[in-house]
C-alpha cells in the first residue's frame, strides 16, 4: 500500500507561503504538472544564486534535495540556462526561486 502524498502544486504553494512568512520571497519561474511534477529549486541569498536543488525520492523513504545544475550557479545566466534545458526535456517540471538566507533549510523543512 502506498502512502498518500500532497500534490506538487500544494507543496509548491506551501513552500512559497513558508518562505514569505520567514521574511523571504519565492516565486514560480515555471509551472509544471500540478499533481506529480518534479520540483527544481533555484536558491538565492539577497538576489544572488547560491545553488540549484531538485527534490528527489530517496530509496530509504521520503524526499530529499539533491544538488544539480551548473557547478557555479552564480555565473550570470547559468542557472536559467540549466532550468530552460531541463524544461525542454520535462515540461512537467516546476522551477521555483527561493530568496532567503536560509533557503535550503526552508525548502528541506517544507519539501522533505
Protein backbone atom coordinates (compact mmCIF):
# COMPACT_ATOMS: atom_id res chain seq x y z
CA UNK A 1 0.00 0.00 0.00
CA UNK A 2 1.35 3.42 -0.88
CA UNK A 3 1.27 6.42 1.40
CA UNK A 4 -0.77 9.44 0.36
CA UNK A 5 1.33 12.50 -0.54
CA UNK A 6 0.37 16.09 -1.20
CA UNK A 7 0.27 17.15 -4.83
CA UNK A 8 3.17 19.10 -6.28
CA UNK A 9 1.06 22.22 -6.65
CA UNK A 10 0.12 22.12 -2.97
CA UNK A 11 3.75 21.52 -1.93
CA UNK A 12 4.98 24.47 -4.01
CA UNK A 13 2.25 26.71 -2.59
CA UNK A 14 3.20 25.71 0.97
CA UNK A 15 6.87 26.40 0.23
CA UNK A 16 6.09 29.87 -1.08
CA UNK A 17 3.93 30.72 1.93
CA UNK A 18 6.52 29.40 4.39
CA UNK A 19 9.31 31.39 2.72
CA UNK A 20 7.28 34.60 2.76
CA UNK A 21 6.31 34.03 6.40
CA UNK A 22 10.04 33.76 7.22
CA UNK A 23 10.70 37.15 5.60
CA UNK A 24 11.97 35.90 2.24
CA UNK A 25 10.49 35.83 -1.20
CA UNK A 26 9.64 32.96 -3.50
CA UNK A 27 8.17 32.76 -6.96
CA UNK A 28 7.27 30.16 -9.53
CA UNK A 29 9.58 30.55 -12.53
CA UNK A 30 7.91 27.73 -14.47
CA UNK A 31 4.73 25.87 -13.62
CA UNK A 32 4.66 22.13 -14.21
CA UNK A 33 2.18 19.35 -13.64
CA UNK A 34 0.05 20.25 -10.62
CA UNK A 35 -0.35 16.64 -9.50
CA UNK A 36 3.02 14.96 -9.84
CA UNK A 37 5.57 17.26 -11.47
CA UNK A 38 9.18 17.30 -10.31
CA UNK A 39 10.44 20.36 -8.40
CA UNK A 40 13.63 22.26 -9.22
CA UNK A 41 14.69 24.99 -6.78
CA UNK A 42 16.88 27.99 -7.50
CA UNK A 43 18.23 29.01 -4.08
CA UNK A 44 19.25 32.65 -3.69
CA UNK A 45 20.52 34.91 -0.94
CA UNK A 46 19.68 38.59 -1.47
CA UNK A 47 19.23 38.07 -5.20
CA UNK A 48 22.46 36.12 -5.73
CA UNK A 49 22.09 32.47 -6.79
CA UNK A 50 23.75 30.06 -4.35
CA UNK A 51 22.65 26.72 -5.78
CA UNK A 52 20.16 24.61 -7.68
CA UNK A 53 18.48 21.66 -5.96
CA UNK A 54 15.99 19.07 -7.11
CA UNK A 55 13.53 17.23 -4.94
CA UNK A 56 14.18 13.51 -5.35
CA UNK A 57 12.69 10.37 -3.85
CA UNK A 58 15.13 8.54 -1.61
CA UNK A 59 15.08 4.74 -1.69
CA UNK A 60 15.18 4.58 2.11
CA UNK A 61 11.95 6.60 2.09
CA UNK A 62 10.94 10.22 1.90
CA UNK A 63 12.12 13.07 -0.26
CA UNK A 64 15.45 14.84 -0.23
CA UNK A 65 17.03 17.80 -2.02
CA UNK A 66 19.98 16.94 -4.24
CA UNK A 67 22.37 19.46 -5.78
CA UNK A 68 22.01 19.61 -9.58
CA UNK A 69 22.82 22.01 -12.36
CA UNK A 70 25.84 24.12 -13.12
CA UNK A 71 28.89 23.85 -10.86
CA UNK A 72 28.93 27.64 -10.50
CA UNK A 73 25.31 28.78 -10.31
CA UNK A 74 26.42 32.35 -9.52
CA UNK A 75 27.73 32.73 -13.08
CA UNK A 76 25.29 35.03 -14.94
CA UNK A 77 22.66 33.01 -16.82
CA UNK A 78 23.99 29.58 -15.81
CA UNK A 79 21.04 28.62 -13.60
CA UNK A 80 18.41 29.96 -16.01
CA UNK A 81 20.01 28.10 -18.93
CA UNK A 82 20.01 24.89 -16.90
CA UNK A 83 16.34 25.33 -15.98
CA UNK A 84 15.40 26.03 -19.62
CA UNK A 85 17.31 22.93 -20.78
CA UNK A 86 15.58 20.74 -18.18
CA UNK A 87 12.14 22.13 -19.07
CA UNK A 88 12.68 21.25 -22.74
CA UNK A 89 13.02 17.58 -21.79
CA UNK A 90 10.49 17.64 -18.90
CA UNK A 91 7.63 20.10 -19.44
CA UNK A 92 6.00 18.88 -16.18
CA UNK A 93 8.93 20.27 -14.17
CA UNK A 94 8.29 23.09 -11.69
CA UNK A 95 11.01 25.71 -11.27
CA UNK A 96 10.81 27.78 -8.09
CA UNK A 97 13.14 30.55 -6.91
CA UNK A 98 13.58 30.99 -3.15
CA UNK A 99 15.38 34.09 -1.90
CA UNK A 100 16.23 33.84 1.80
CA UNK A 101 19.49 33.45 3.78
CA UNK A 102 18.28 30.00 4.94
CA UNK A 103 16.62 28.99 1.66
CA UNK A 104 17.89 25.41 1.75
CA UNK A 105 16.64 24.82 5.28
CA UNK A 106 13.23 26.32 4.46
CA UNK A 107 12.96 24.07 1.42
CA UNK A 108 14.01 20.98 3.39
CA UNK A 109 11.50 21.74 6.15
CA UNK A 110 8.69 22.06 3.63
CA UNK A 111 9.50 19.51 0.91
CA UNK A 112 11.46 16.71 2.60
